[in-house]
Amino acid sequence: MAKPGKSNPYDKYKETQIKTANQGKLIVMLYDGAIKFLNQAKEFIDKNEIEEAHNKIVRSQDIIMELLLSLNMSAGEIAHKLYNLYLYMNKRLMESNINKDKKPIDEVLTMLLDLKDVWTQISGNNAPGDATSLDKNVSVNVSS
């Protein structure tokens, strides 16, 4: 742990990475964070550490809500599909948090990993914010 007043090199690296990333890479970083927190939540559920599991699920929900709120709804159908998908993920994580059930977490993890793969593929190939190619690469099927 870094002492007050001292710079943590890892924190500086992450800060630089965030400041210099294009929009697609930032989205991938958000997916990475949500995935990490959900994996940690599953471990805490296994250990019956309810409060820690709750905190990790909430952190993932915060990231998903940030992804939802950052959508450019004028980008077309894909933005609306992602909006619905993020709402669905949030709903499933609420259910998981209430019941401390890992099945909804696994479901959301699968969706996040798929979306992360797509964003990883397109983030280096398009101009920042170019959602048109994403529309061609993602098919989202959500049943509430």
Protein backbone atom coordinates (compact mmCIF):
# COMPACT_ATOMS: atom_id res chain seq x y z
CA MET A 1 0.00 0.00 0.00
CA ALA A 2 1.36 3.44 -0.91
CA LYS A 3 2.09 5.86 1.89
CA PRO A 4 0.25 9.21 1.94
CA GLY A 5 2.11 11.74 -0.15
CA LYS A 6 3.92 9.01 -2.12
CA SER A 7 3.01 8.13 -5.70
CA ASN A 8 2.12 4.54 -6.40
CA PRO A 9 3.73 3.68 -9.77
CA TYR A 10 0.86 1.34 -10.66
CA ASP A 11 -1.71 4.08 -10.02
CA LYS A 12 0.30 6.48 -12.20
CA TYR A 13 0.47 3.86 -14.95
CA LYS A 14 -3.28 3.23 -14.82
CA GLU A 15 -3.99 6.97 -14.83
CA THR A 16 -1.80 7.45 -17.90
CA GLN A 17 -3.39 4.44 -19.57
CA ILE A 18 -6.87 5.89 -19.03
CA LYS A 19 -5.91 9.39 -20.20
CA THR A 20 -4.36 8.12 -23.43
CA ALA A 21 -6.89 5.42 -24.37
CA ASN A 22 -9.38 5.86 -27.18
CA GLN A 23 -13.08 5.41 -26.48
CA GLY A 24 -13.09 1.75 -27.50
CA LYS A 25 -10.18 0.92 -25.22
CA LEU A 26 -11.88 2.75 -22.33
CA ILE A 27 -14.98 0.61 -22.85
CA VAL A 28 -12.82 -2.52 -22.80
CA MET A 29 -11.26 -1.30 -19.54
CA LEU A 30 -14.74 -0.86 -18.05
CA TYR A 31 -15.70 -4.38 -19.11
CA ASP A 32 -12.46 -5.66 -17.53
CA GLY A 33 -13.36 -3.95 -14.26
CA ALA A 34 -16.90 -5.34 -14.18
CA ILE A 35 -15.62 -8.83 -15.02
CA LYS A 36 -12.99 -8.64 -12.28
CA PHE A 37 -15.51 -7.54 -9.65
CA LEU A 38 -17.99 -10.26 -10.63
CA ASN A 39 -15.33 -12.95 -10.40
CA GLN A 40 -14.41 -11.62 -6.96
CA ALA A 41 -18.09 -11.60 -5.96
CA LYS A 42 -18.36 -15.29 -6.86
CA GLU A 43 -15.35 -16.07 -4.68
CA PHE A 44 -16.88 -14.17 -1.75
CA ILE A 45 -20.19 -15.99 -2.22
CA ASP A 46 -18.29 -19.30 -2.06
CA LYS A 47 -16.66 -18.16 1.20
CA ASN A 48 -20.03 -16.94 2.52
CA GLU A 49 -18.60 -13.42 2.90
CA ILE A 50 -21.91 -11.75 2.14
CA GLU A 51 -20.93 -8.11 2.62
CA GLU A 52 -17.86 -8.40 0.40
CA ALA A 53 -19.89 -10.21 -2.28
CA HIS A 54 -22.50 -7.46 -2.10
CA ASN A 55 -19.84 -4.74 -2.50
CA LYS A 56 -18.30 -6.41 -5.56
CA ILE A 57 -21.68 -6.92 -7.24
CA VAL A 58 -22.58 -3.27 -6.61
CA ARG A 59 -19.27 -2.13 -8.10
CA SER A 60 -20.01 -4.16 -11.23
CA GLN A 61 -23.51 -2.68 -11.38
CA ASP A 62 -21.97 0.81 -11.13
CA ILE A 63 -19.75 0.08 -14.12
CA ILE A 64 -22.65 -1.32 -16.13
CA MET A 65 -24.72 1.76 -15.33
CA GLU A 66 -21.81 3.96 -16.44
CA LEU A 67 -21.72 2.04 -19.73
CA LEU A 68 -25.49 2.52 -20.08
CA LEU A 69 -25.36 6.24 -19.32
CA SER A 70 -22.51 6.82 -21.76
CA LEU A 71 -24.40 5.34 -24.73
CA ASN A 72 -24.95 7.66 -27.66
CA MET A 73 -28.59 6.85 -28.34
CA SER A 74 -28.43 8.58 -31.72
CA ALA A 75 -25.94 5.93 -32.89
CA GLY A 76 -28.79 3.73 -34.03
CA GLU A 77 -30.21 0.36 -33.21
CA ILE A 78 -27.07 -0.96 -31.52
CA ALA A 79 -27.25 1.72 -28.82
CA HIS A 80 -30.84 0.70 -28.04
CA LYS A 81 -29.89 -2.98 -27.95
CA LEU A 82 -26.97 -2.26 -25.61
CA TYR A 83 -29.23 -0.10 -23.43
CA ASN A 84 -31.67 -2.99 -23.02
CA LEU A 85 -28.85 -5.45 -22.46
CA TYR A 86 -27.26 -3.30 -19.74
CA LEU A 87 -30.66 -2.95 -18.02
CA TYR A 88 -31.08 -6.71 -18.16
CA MET A 89 -27.58 -7.27 -16.73
CA ASN A 90 -28.33 -4.88 -13.90
CA LYS A 91 -31.60 -6.69 -13.15
CA ARG A 92 -29.86 -10.07 -13.08
CA LEU A 93 -27.15 -8.74 -10.77
CA MET A 94 -29.80 -7.35 -8.42
CA GLU A 95 -31.35 -10.81 -8.28
CA SER A 96 -27.94 -12.34 -7.67
CA ASN A 97 -27.21 -9.88 -4.90
CA ILE A 98 -30.52 -10.48 -3.15
CA ASN A 99 -30.21 -14.27 -3.30
CA LYS A 100 -26.40 -14.53 -3.27
CA ASP A 101 -26.77 -16.79 -6.28
CA LYS A 102 -23.84 -17.24 -8.69
CA LYS A 103 -25.95 -18.34 -11.69
CA PRO A 104 -27.03 -14.78 -12.66
CA ILE A 105 -23.41 -13.64 -12.22
CA ASP A 106 -22.25 -16.34 -14.63
CA GLU A 107 -24.91 -15.25 -17.12
CA VAL A 108 -23.79 -11.61 -16.93
CA LEU A 109 -20.12 -12.62 -17.10
CA THR A 110 -20.78 -14.48 -20.35
CA MET A 111 -22.42 -11.40 -21.87
CA LEU A 112 -19.67 -9.07 -20.64
CA LEU A 113 -16.93 -11.34 -21.99
CA ASP A 114 -18.65 -11.51 -25.39
CA LEU A 115 -19.06 -7.73 -25.53
CA LYS A 116 -15.48 -7.20 -24.38
CA ASP A 117 -14.24 -9.47 -27.20
CA VAL A 118 -16.16 -7.46 -29.79
CA TRP A 119 -14.95 -4.11 -28.42
CA THR A 120 -11.38 -5.43 -28.28
CA GLN A 121 -11.61 -6.37 -31.96
CA ILE A 122 -13.04 -3.05 -33.13
CA SER A 123 -11.34 -0.61 -30.74
CA GLY A 124 -8.14 -0.51 -32.77
CA ASN A 125 -9.77 -0.62 -36.19
CA ASN A 126 -12.18 2.32 -36.11
CA ALA A 127 -12.28 5.96 -35.26
CA PRO A 128 -13.20 6.62 -31.63
CA GLY A 129 -16.93 6.43 -31.15
CA ASP A 130 -17.61 4.66 -34.44
CA ALA A 131 -20.56 2.48 -33.50
CA THR A 132 -21.51 1.59 -37.07
CA SER A 133 -19.05 -1.28 -37.26
CA LEU A 134 -20.17 -2.49 -33.86
CA ASP A 135 -23.70 -2.67 -35.25
CA LYS A 136 -22.44 -5.10 -37.89
CA ASN A 137 -20.49 -7.22 -35.39
CA VAL A 138 -22.90 -7.54 -32.47
CA SER A 139 -26.22 -9.21 -32.34
CA VAL A 140 -27.90 -8.76 -29.00
CA ASN A 141 -30.83 -10.92 -28.02
CA VAL A 142 -32.46 -9.91 -24.74
CA SER A 143 -35.54 -11.49 -23.29
CA SER A 144 -36.76 -9.88 -20.10
